[in-house]
């Protein structure tokens, strides 16, 4: 899959807010899975429905089920973990967008595992 990342400003977050991921110790896939599990736990404990948390949960679930994390880690080494960079996910025009510091690009899709770790 060819992705244009040269201009660095190709995708801006849509209505959904950007979800920050910590890749200082883990790759983007593990960081997304851990964030998903934390938000899911928060949603289950909450007494009141939270639309913002539910939107974040939906974005992370979709990312974990559809993104090509192997390509992300190989093409952008800072997503493999161990780097102090600002990484986030958002949705724009129906696509998941990856943000690395000031760069943004549409996330590559592939045969990823589901959020629970099993194959589709």
Protein backbone atom coordinates (compact mmCIF):
# COMPACT_ATOMS: atom_id res chain seq x y z
CA UNK A 1 0.00 0.00 0.00
CA UNK A 2 1.41 3.40 -0.95
CA UNK A 3 0.94 6.16 1.59
CA UNK A 4 1.85 9.77 0.96
CA UNK A 5 3.52 11.13 4.07
CA UNK A 6 5.80 13.69 2.51
CA UNK A 7 3.61 16.72 3.08
CA UNK A 8 3.04 15.92 6.75
CA UNK A 9 -0.33 17.67 6.90
CA UNK A 10 -2.44 15.39 4.75
CA UNK A 11 -4.98 14.38 7.36
CA UNK A 12 -6.44 16.41 10.15
CA UNK A 13 -8.58 14.90 12.92
CA UNK A 14 -12.30 14.85 12.26
CA UNK A 15 -15.09 15.16 14.81
CA UNK A 16 -13.63 12.42 17.00
CA UNK A 17 -10.90 13.67 19.20
CA UNK A 18 -7.37 12.38 18.95
CA UNK A 19 -6.44 9.45 21.21
CA UNK A 20 -2.89 9.71 22.52
CA UNK A 21 -0.81 6.53 22.73
CA UNK A 22 2.34 5.96 24.79
CA UNK A 23 4.97 4.20 22.65
CA UNK A 24 7.89 4.92 24.99
CA UNK A 25 7.92 1.29 26.18
CA UNK A 26 5.60 -0.57 23.77
CA UNK A 27 4.79 -0.67 20.09
CA UNK A 28 1.73 1.09 18.71
CA UNK A 29 -0.32 -2.12 18.70
CA UNK A 30 0.34 -2.90 22.36
CA UNK A 31 -0.19 0.76 23.30
CA UNK A 32 -3.55 0.78 21.46
CA UNK A 33 -4.62 -2.51 23.07
CA UNK A 34 -3.73 -1.27 26.56
CA UNK A 35 -5.55 2.01 25.98
CA UNK A 36 -8.59 0.03 24.70
CA UNK A 37 -8.58 -2.15 27.83
CA UNK A 38 -8.31 0.89 30.14
CA UNK A 39 -11.15 2.75 28.43
CA UNK A 40 -13.31 -0.40 28.40
CA UNK A 41 -12.71 -0.81 32.13
CA UNK A 42 -13.60 2.87 32.69
CA UNK A 43 -16.82 2.45 30.68
CA UNK A 44 -17.84 -0.65 32.62
CA UNK A 45 -17.22 1.04 35.98
CA UNK A 46 -19.00 4.24 35.03
CA UNK A 47 -22.48 4.83 36.40
CA UNK A 48 -23.30 7.27 33.60
CA UNK A 49 -22.87 6.62 29.86
CA UNK A 50 -19.99 8.66 28.42
CA UNK A 51 -20.29 9.32 24.68
CA UNK A 52 -16.67 10.50 24.43
CA UNK A 53 -15.31 7.30 25.99
CA UNK A 54 -17.57 5.20 23.78
CA UNK A 55 -16.27 6.99 20.65
CA UNK A 56 -12.69 6.42 21.77
CA UNK A 57 -13.44 2.77 22.45
CA UNK A 58 -14.99 2.38 18.99
CA UNK A 59 -12.00 4.01 17.28
CA UNK A 60 -9.52 1.81 19.15
CA UNK A 61 -11.56 -1.35 18.45
CA UNK A 62 -11.65 -0.52 14.75
CA UNK A 63 -7.92 0.20 14.74
CA UNK A 64 -7.07 -3.06 16.50
CA UNK A 65 -9.26 -5.05 14.10
CA UNK A 66 -8.22 -3.47 10.82
CA UNK A 67 -4.79 -1.79 10.87
CA UNK A 68 -1.63 -3.33 9.44
CA UNK A 69 0.53 -2.92 12.53
CA UNK A 70 3.45 -4.80 10.99
CA UNK A 71 3.63 -2.26 8.17
CA UNK A 72 3.27 0.63 10.61
CA UNK A 73 6.17 -0.66 12.74
CA UNK A 74 8.43 -1.36 9.78
CA UNK A 75 7.72 1.84 7.84
CA UNK A 76 7.83 4.15 10.88
CA UNK A 77 10.38 2.73 13.37
CA UNK A 78 9.27 5.14 16.09
CA UNK A 79 6.00 3.14 16.24
CA UNK A 80 7.91 -0.03 17.18
CA UNK A 81 8.32 1.28 20.72
CA UNK A 82 11.11 2.70 22.79
CA UNK A 83 10.78 6.22 21.38
CA UNK A 84 9.64 9.44 23.00
CA UNK A 85 7.34 10.77 20.31
CA UNK A 86 3.77 12.03 20.37
CA UNK A 87 1.63 9.33 18.78
CA UNK A 88 -2.12 9.43 18.36
CA UNK A 89 -5.05 8.02 16.43
CA UNK A 90 -8.08 9.87 15.13
CA UNK A 91 -10.76 9.45 12.50
CA UNK A 92 -11.11 11.72 9.47
CA UNK A 93 -13.45 11.21 6.54
CA UNK A 94 -14.21 7.67 7.69
CA UNK A 95 -10.54 6.60 7.85
CA UNK A 96 -8.28 6.06 10.82
CA UNK A 97 -5.44 8.56 10.86
CA UNK A 98 -2.08 8.02 12.58
CA UNK A 99 -0.30 11.04 14.04
CA UNK A 100 3.43 11.05 14.82
CA UNK A 101 4.52 14.39 16.23
CA UNK A 102 3.56 16.85 13.45
CA UNK A 103 3.02 14.23 10.73
CA UNK A 104 -0.38 12.70 9.98
CA UNK A 105 -1.30 10.02 7.46
CA UNK A 106 -4.08 7.50 6.74
CA UNK A 107 -3.40 4.25 8.56
CA UNK A 108 -2.68 1.23 6.35
CA UNK A 109 -5.25 -1.54 6.57
CA UNK A 110 -4.32 -5.19 6.78
CA UNK A 111 -5.03 -8.54 8.35
CA UNK A 112 -4.73 -7.49 11.97
CA UNK A 113 -5.98 -9.40 14.98
CA UNK A 114 -9.11 -8.31 16.78
CA UNK A 115 -9.04 -6.37 20.01
CA UNK A 116 -9.37 -9.62 21.95
CA UNK A 117 -6.36 -11.14 20.22
CA UNK A 118 -8.11 -13.77 18.10
CA UNK A 119 -8.09 -13.96 14.32
CA UNK A 120 -11.13 -12.73 12.44
